[in-house]
Amino acid sequence: MTSMKTLILSLLIAPMFAGAACPDLAGRYVCKVSGFTKNVTISQVDRGGVRIYQVDNGGEIFADGVRHQTPTLHPIMDRYARNYSYVANCSTNKLSFTGIADLVRGGQGNVDGTLVKSGDDVTINMHMVTPDKDMNLDLDCSK
């Protein structure tokens, strides 16, 4: 009977801590890329034990290891693709996602990226591979 109580208790409590392993990325950042600066806003919320991120008012990124669909992901990537199917996971200091998307010019492309937190800084990497391009964007961002 004790093991049954333990199992039920762990099933009830575990979802509350699912987002606990994910980094706190929320904030406004100034990012540098190729001599230019870009302001980036990252918001996050924990809903039903899942950490959900949003970068620059793009689509929601559910960091739960489950495949999700979103029509938009990030304004820069959305210039080239739509209707993303992705899986995202996080660890103590990193959010990672990978998936596929419908390309604006037809066909599909692969997308992936990471957001890595180090102190008050975040490094954002977004990568997209299409049949004719391999695009990579790295942003070093500070609060």
Protein backbone atom coordinates (compact mmCIF):
# COMPACT_ATOMS: atom_id res chain seq x y z
CA MET A 1 0.00 0.00 0.00
CA THR A 2 2.85 2.39 0.77
CA SER A 3 4.32 1.93 -2.70
CA MET A 4 0.93 2.78 -4.26
CA LYS A 5 0.77 6.01 -2.22
CA THR A 6 4.31 6.86 -3.28
CA LEU A 7 3.46 6.26 -6.94
CA ILE A 8 0.32 8.42 -6.80
CA LEU A 9 2.15 11.19 -4.96
CA SER A 10 5.02 11.17 -7.48
CA LEU A 11 2.57 11.31 -10.40
CA LEU A 12 0.86 14.33 -8.84
CA ILE A 13 4.05 16.21 -7.94
CA ALA A 14 6.31 15.42 -10.92
CA PRO A 15 4.50 17.70 -13.41
CA MET A 16 5.02 20.67 -11.08
CA PHE A 17 8.79 20.26 -11.39
CA ALA A 18 9.02 19.43 -15.10
CA GLY A 19 10.03 23.01 -15.96
CA ALA A 20 12.44 23.21 -13.04
CA ALA A 21 15.32 21.76 -15.09
CA CYS A 22 14.81 24.38 -17.81
CA PRO A 23 16.79 27.62 -17.81
CA ASP A 24 15.23 30.94 -16.88
CA LEU A 25 15.66 32.74 -20.22
CA ALA A 26 13.01 35.44 -19.70
CA GLY A 27 14.12 38.97 -20.34
CA ARG A 28 15.09 41.61 -22.85
CA TYR A 29 18.45 41.20 -24.50
CA VAL A 30 20.69 43.19 -26.82
CA CYS A 31 22.19 40.79 -29.34
CA LYS A 32 25.12 41.27 -31.68
CA VAL A 33 25.52 39.65 -35.07
CA SER A 34 27.82 40.65 -37.94
CA GLY A 35 28.36 44.16 -36.58
CA PHE A 36 24.65 44.81 -36.07
CA THR A 37 22.60 44.84 -32.88
CA LYS A 38 19.13 43.38 -32.45
CA ASN A 39 16.83 43.61 -29.45
CA VAL A 40 15.39 40.23 -28.51
CA THR A 41 12.64 39.53 -25.97
CA ILE A 42 12.21 36.06 -24.50
CA SER A 43 9.14 35.26 -22.42
CA GLN A 44 8.37 32.04 -20.62
CA VAL A 45 5.58 30.46 -18.62
CA ASP A 46 5.14 27.14 -16.83
CA ARG A 47 1.82 25.56 -17.78
CA GLY A 48 0.79 22.12 -16.61
CA GLY A 49 4.36 21.34 -15.58
CA VAL A 50 5.78 22.29 -19.00
CA ARG A 51 8.08 25.27 -19.61
CA ILE A 52 6.90 27.20 -22.66
CA TYR A 53 9.13 29.81 -24.30
CA GLN A 54 8.38 32.52 -26.83
CA VAL A 55 11.12 34.46 -28.63
CA ASP A 56 10.26 37.86 -30.15
CA ASN A 57 6.52 37.09 -30.13
CA GLY A 58 7.06 34.04 -32.33
CA GLY A 59 5.36 30.71 -31.83
CA GLU A 60 5.33 28.96 -28.49
CA ILE A 61 8.16 26.47 -27.90
CA PHE A 62 7.03 23.69 -25.54
CA ALA A 63 10.14 22.21 -23.86
CA ASP A 64 8.67 18.81 -23.06
CA GLY A 65 10.23 16.36 -25.53
CA VAL A 66 6.91 15.93 -27.37
CA ARG A 67 6.32 16.80 -31.05
CA HIS A 68 4.34 20.04 -31.47
CA GLN A 69 3.02 22.07 -34.39
CA THR A 70 3.15 25.85 -34.69
CA PRO A 71 2.47 28.08 -37.71
CA THR A 72 5.29 30.48 -36.71
CA LEU A 73 8.49 30.08 -34.73
CA HIS A 74 10.60 33.23 -34.98
CA PRO A 75 10.28 36.31 -37.25
CA ILE A 76 13.68 35.68 -38.90
CA MET A 77 12.98 32.01 -39.66
CA ASP A 78 9.40 32.81 -40.66
CA ARG A 79 10.69 34.69 -43.71
CA TYR A 80 11.66 31.33 -45.17
CA ALA A 81 9.34 28.79 -43.54
CA ARG A 82 5.97 28.19 -41.90
CA ASN A 83 4.07 25.37 -40.19
CA TYR A 84 6.82 23.97 -38.02
CA SER A 85 6.74 20.47 -36.53
CA TYR A 86 9.33 20.36 -33.75
CA VAL A 87 10.50 18.70 -30.55
CA ALA A 88 12.14 20.81 -27.82
CA ASN A 89 14.00 19.80 -24.68
CA CYS A 90 15.91 21.65 -22.03
CA SER A 91 18.59 21.14 -19.46
CA THR A 92 19.86 23.36 -16.69
CA ASN A 93 21.27 26.02 -19.02
CA LYS A 94 20.06 25.11 -22.54
CA LEU A 95 16.88 24.96 -24.62
CA SER A 96 17.22 22.88 -27.80
CA PHE A 97 14.73 22.29 -30.61
CA THR A 98 14.75 20.35 -33.86
CA GLY A 99 12.14 19.75 -36.53
CA ILE A 100 10.89 20.34 -40.05
CA ALA A 101 8.96 23.18 -41.66
CA ASP A 102 7.13 23.99 -44.89
CA LEU A 103 9.29 26.31 -46.97
CA VAL A 104 7.73 29.49 -48.34
CA ARG A 105 9.06 28.58 -51.83
CA GLY A 106 7.73 25.01 -51.60
CA GLY A 107 9.04 21.79 -50.15
CA GLN A 108 10.30 21.19 -46.65
CA GLY A 109 13.40 22.12 -44.71
CA ASN A 110 15.05 21.09 -41.48
CA VAL A 111 15.23 23.53 -38.57
CA ASP A 112 17.07 23.38 -35.29
CA GLY A 113 18.42 25.69 -32.68
CA THR A 114 19.66 26.27 -29.17
CA LEU A 115 19.39 29.00 -26.58
CA VAL A 116 22.21 28.70 -24.05
CA LYS A 117 22.26 30.72 -20.85
CA SER A 118 25.51 31.78 -19.18
CA GLY A 119 25.02 34.18 -16.27
CA ASP A 120 22.94 37.07 -17.63
CA ASP A 121 23.92 36.28 -21.23
CA VAL A 122 22.19 34.08 -23.80
CA THR A 123 23.65 32.67 -27.00
CA ILE A 124 21.01 31.97 -29.63
CA ASN A 125 21.72 29.68 -32.59
CA MET A 126 19.14 29.08 -35.31
CA HIS A 127 19.86 26.76 -38.22
CA MET A 128 17.79 25.96 -41.32
CA VAL A 129 18.66 23.60 -44.15
CA THR A 130 16.70 23.82 -47.39
CA PRO A 131 17.34 22.00 -50.68
CA ASP A 132 19.47 24.95 -51.87
CA LYS A 133 20.64 26.74 -48.69
CA ASP A 134 22.24 26.03 -45.34
CA MET A 135 21.55 29.08 -43.14
CA ASN A 136 22.99 29.61 -39.70
CA LEU A 137 22.41 32.55 -37.35
CA ASP A 138 24.37 33.00 -34.13
CA LEU A 139 23.44 35.81 -31.73
CA ASP A 140 25.44 36.70 -28.63
CA CYS A 141 23.01 38.45 -26.32
CA SER A 142 23.33 40.38 -23.04
CA LYS A 143 20.70 41.79 -20.66
